[in-house]
Amino acid sequence: MPLEIKESRLEPDITVLHLSGRLELGSDSQRLEELVAWLVGDGRLGVLLDLTQLEYIDSAGLGALAMIGGQVKHSGGRLVLAVREGRVKTVLQFARLNEIITLAETVEQAARLISGGPKAPETA
């Protein structure tokens, strides 16, 4: 299943990108990077990636997430990933991406973290 990206907004200023399918090598990971670059360029600095429906991620997808994390941080924004327990979260943790990008269990928790709430506890 190719990557599907749907955008929504949460108040006050959080852009949510809901990802489903597969984040892997190819135009989909590049499209995600370009979309986030556009959001940041447009001044949208609260970015939440909802990975709860993502089925698969490969090393190119991990690279895209790391690149996005750097873009958002460099622009003074905040990025949080909502990811449920399972294969995708295990891959993120194995690659130690959770050490540079905050992970949350749910979209709601991620939104609170972006809005300045306490940092989510890391899960092993």
Protein backbone atom coordinates (compact mmCIF):
# COMPACT_ATOMS: atom_id res chain seq x y z
CA MET A 1 0.00 0.00 0.00
CA PRO A 2 1.57 3.34 -0.99
CA LEU A 3 1.93 6.12 1.53
CA GLU A 4 -1.19 8.18 2.06
CA ILE A 5 -0.92 11.58 3.76
CA LYS A 6 -3.90 13.50 5.09
CA GLU A 7 -3.56 16.90 6.70
CA SER A 8 -5.60 18.36 9.54
CA ARG A 9 -5.19 21.19 12.04
CA LEU A 10 -5.46 21.27 15.81
CA GLU A 11 -5.68 24.47 17.78
CA PRO A 12 -3.87 26.53 18.58
CA ASP A 13 -1.25 26.04 15.85
CA ILE A 14 -0.59 22.37 15.24
CA THR A 15 -0.53 20.80 11.80
CA VAL A 16 -1.20 17.06 11.88
CA LEU A 17 -0.07 14.82 9.04
CA HIS A 18 -1.82 11.45 9.25
CA LEU A 19 0.30 8.81 7.52
CA SER A 20 -0.98 5.41 6.50
CA GLY A 21 0.53 2.68 4.36
CA ARG A 22 4.28 2.37 3.88
CA LEU A 23 6.99 4.98 4.38
CA GLU A 24 9.84 3.66 2.28
CA LEU A 25 12.42 4.46 -0.37
CA GLY A 26 10.96 6.37 -3.28
CA SER A 27 8.94 9.40 -4.07
CA ASP A 28 6.66 9.05 -1.02
CA SER A 29 9.40 9.76 1.54
CA GLN A 30 10.61 12.68 -0.58
CA ARG A 31 7.03 14.00 -0.85
CA LEU A 32 6.72 13.92 2.96
CA GLU A 33 10.00 15.83 3.37
CA GLU A 34 8.88 18.44 0.85
CA LEU A 35 5.48 18.83 2.51
CA VAL A 36 7.02 19.44 5.93
CA ALA A 37 9.56 21.87 4.41
CA TRP A 38 6.63 23.78 2.91
CA LEU A 39 4.75 23.79 6.24
CA VAL A 40 7.78 25.11 8.11
CA GLY A 41 8.40 27.69 5.39
CA ASP A 42 4.78 28.78 5.80
CA GLY A 43 5.38 29.36 9.51
CA ARG A 44 3.64 26.24 10.76
CA LEU A 45 6.08 25.21 13.46
CA GLY A 46 3.95 22.79 15.49
CA VAL A 47 4.11 19.58 13.45
CA LEU A 48 2.58 16.30 14.56
CA LEU A 49 3.14 13.18 12.48
CA ASP A 50 0.43 10.62 13.20
CA LEU A 51 2.08 7.27 12.50
CA THR A 52 -0.59 5.21 14.27
CA GLN A 53 -1.83 3.83 10.94
CA LEU A 54 1.60 3.40 9.34
CA GLU A 55 2.16 -0.25 8.46
CA TYR A 56 5.84 -0.24 7.52
CA ILE A 57 8.92 1.97 7.57
CA ASP A 58 12.34 1.27 6.03
CA SER A 59 15.71 2.99 6.39
CA ALA A 60 14.77 5.66 3.82
CA GLY A 61 11.65 6.41 5.84
CA LEU A 62 13.75 6.67 9.00
CA GLY A 63 16.08 9.04 7.16
CA ALA A 64 13.13 11.15 6.07
CA LEU A 65 11.89 11.40 9.66
CA ALA A 66 15.37 12.37 10.88
CA MET A 67 15.61 15.02 8.14
CA ILE A 68 12.16 16.37 9.05
CA GLY A 69 13.12 16.49 12.72
CA GLY A 70 16.17 18.57 11.86
CA GLN A 71 14.17 20.92 9.61
CA VAL A 72 11.54 21.60 12.24
CA LYS A 73 14.06 22.03 15.07
CA HIS A 74 16.29 24.33 12.97
CA SER A 75 13.25 26.51 12.27
CA GLY A 76 12.44 26.81 15.96
CA GLY A 77 9.47 24.50 15.77
CA ARG A 78 8.43 21.35 17.56
CA LEU A 79 7.88 17.89 16.07
CA VAL A 80 6.25 14.97 17.86
CA LEU A 81 5.44 11.55 16.42
CA ALA A 82 2.31 9.70 17.54
CA VAL A 83 3.09 6.00 17.22
CA ARG A 84 1.40 3.01 18.79
CA GLU A 85 3.10 -0.11 20.09
CA GLY A 86 4.10 -2.45 17.28
CA ARG A 87 6.52 -2.90 14.43
CA VAL A 88 6.90 0.77 13.45
CA LYS A 89 7.60 1.90 17.02
CA THR A 90 10.08 -0.94 17.48
CA VAL A 91 11.95 0.14 14.34
CA LEU A 92 12.01 3.79 15.48
CA GLN A 93 13.42 2.77 18.85
CA PHE A 94 15.91 0.30 17.36
CA ALA A 95 17.22 3.09 15.12
CA ARG A 96 17.29 5.33 18.24
CA LEU A 97 15.15 7.95 16.53
CA ASN A 98 13.31 8.35 19.83
CA GLU A 99 16.49 9.98 21.18
CA ILE A 100 16.18 12.92 18.77
CA ILE A 101 12.42 13.10 18.16
CA THR A 102 9.78 12.88 20.88
CA LEU A 103 7.39 9.94 20.61
CA ALA A 104 3.88 9.88 22.05
CA GLU A 105 1.35 7.08 22.35
CA THR A 106 -1.58 9.01 20.87
CA VAL A 107 -2.33 12.06 18.74
CA GLU A 108 -3.85 13.75 21.80
CA GLN A 109 -0.73 13.19 23.90
CA ALA A 110 1.48 14.40 21.03
CA ALA A 111 -0.60 17.58 20.71
CA ARG A 112 -0.20 18.28 24.43
CA LEU A 113 3.56 17.87 24.11
CA ILE A 114 3.73 20.28 21.18
CA SER A 115 1.65 22.79 23.12
CA GLY A 116 4.24 22.77 25.90
CA GLY A 117 3.07 20.03 28.19
CA PRO A 118 5.42 17.65 29.99
CA LYS A 119 7.69 15.41 27.93
CA ALA A 120 6.29 11.97 27.24
CA PRO A 121 7.99 9.12 29.05
CA GLU A 122 10.10 7.01 26.72
CA THR A 123 9.03 3.41 26.52
CA ALA A 124 11.48 0.62 25.88
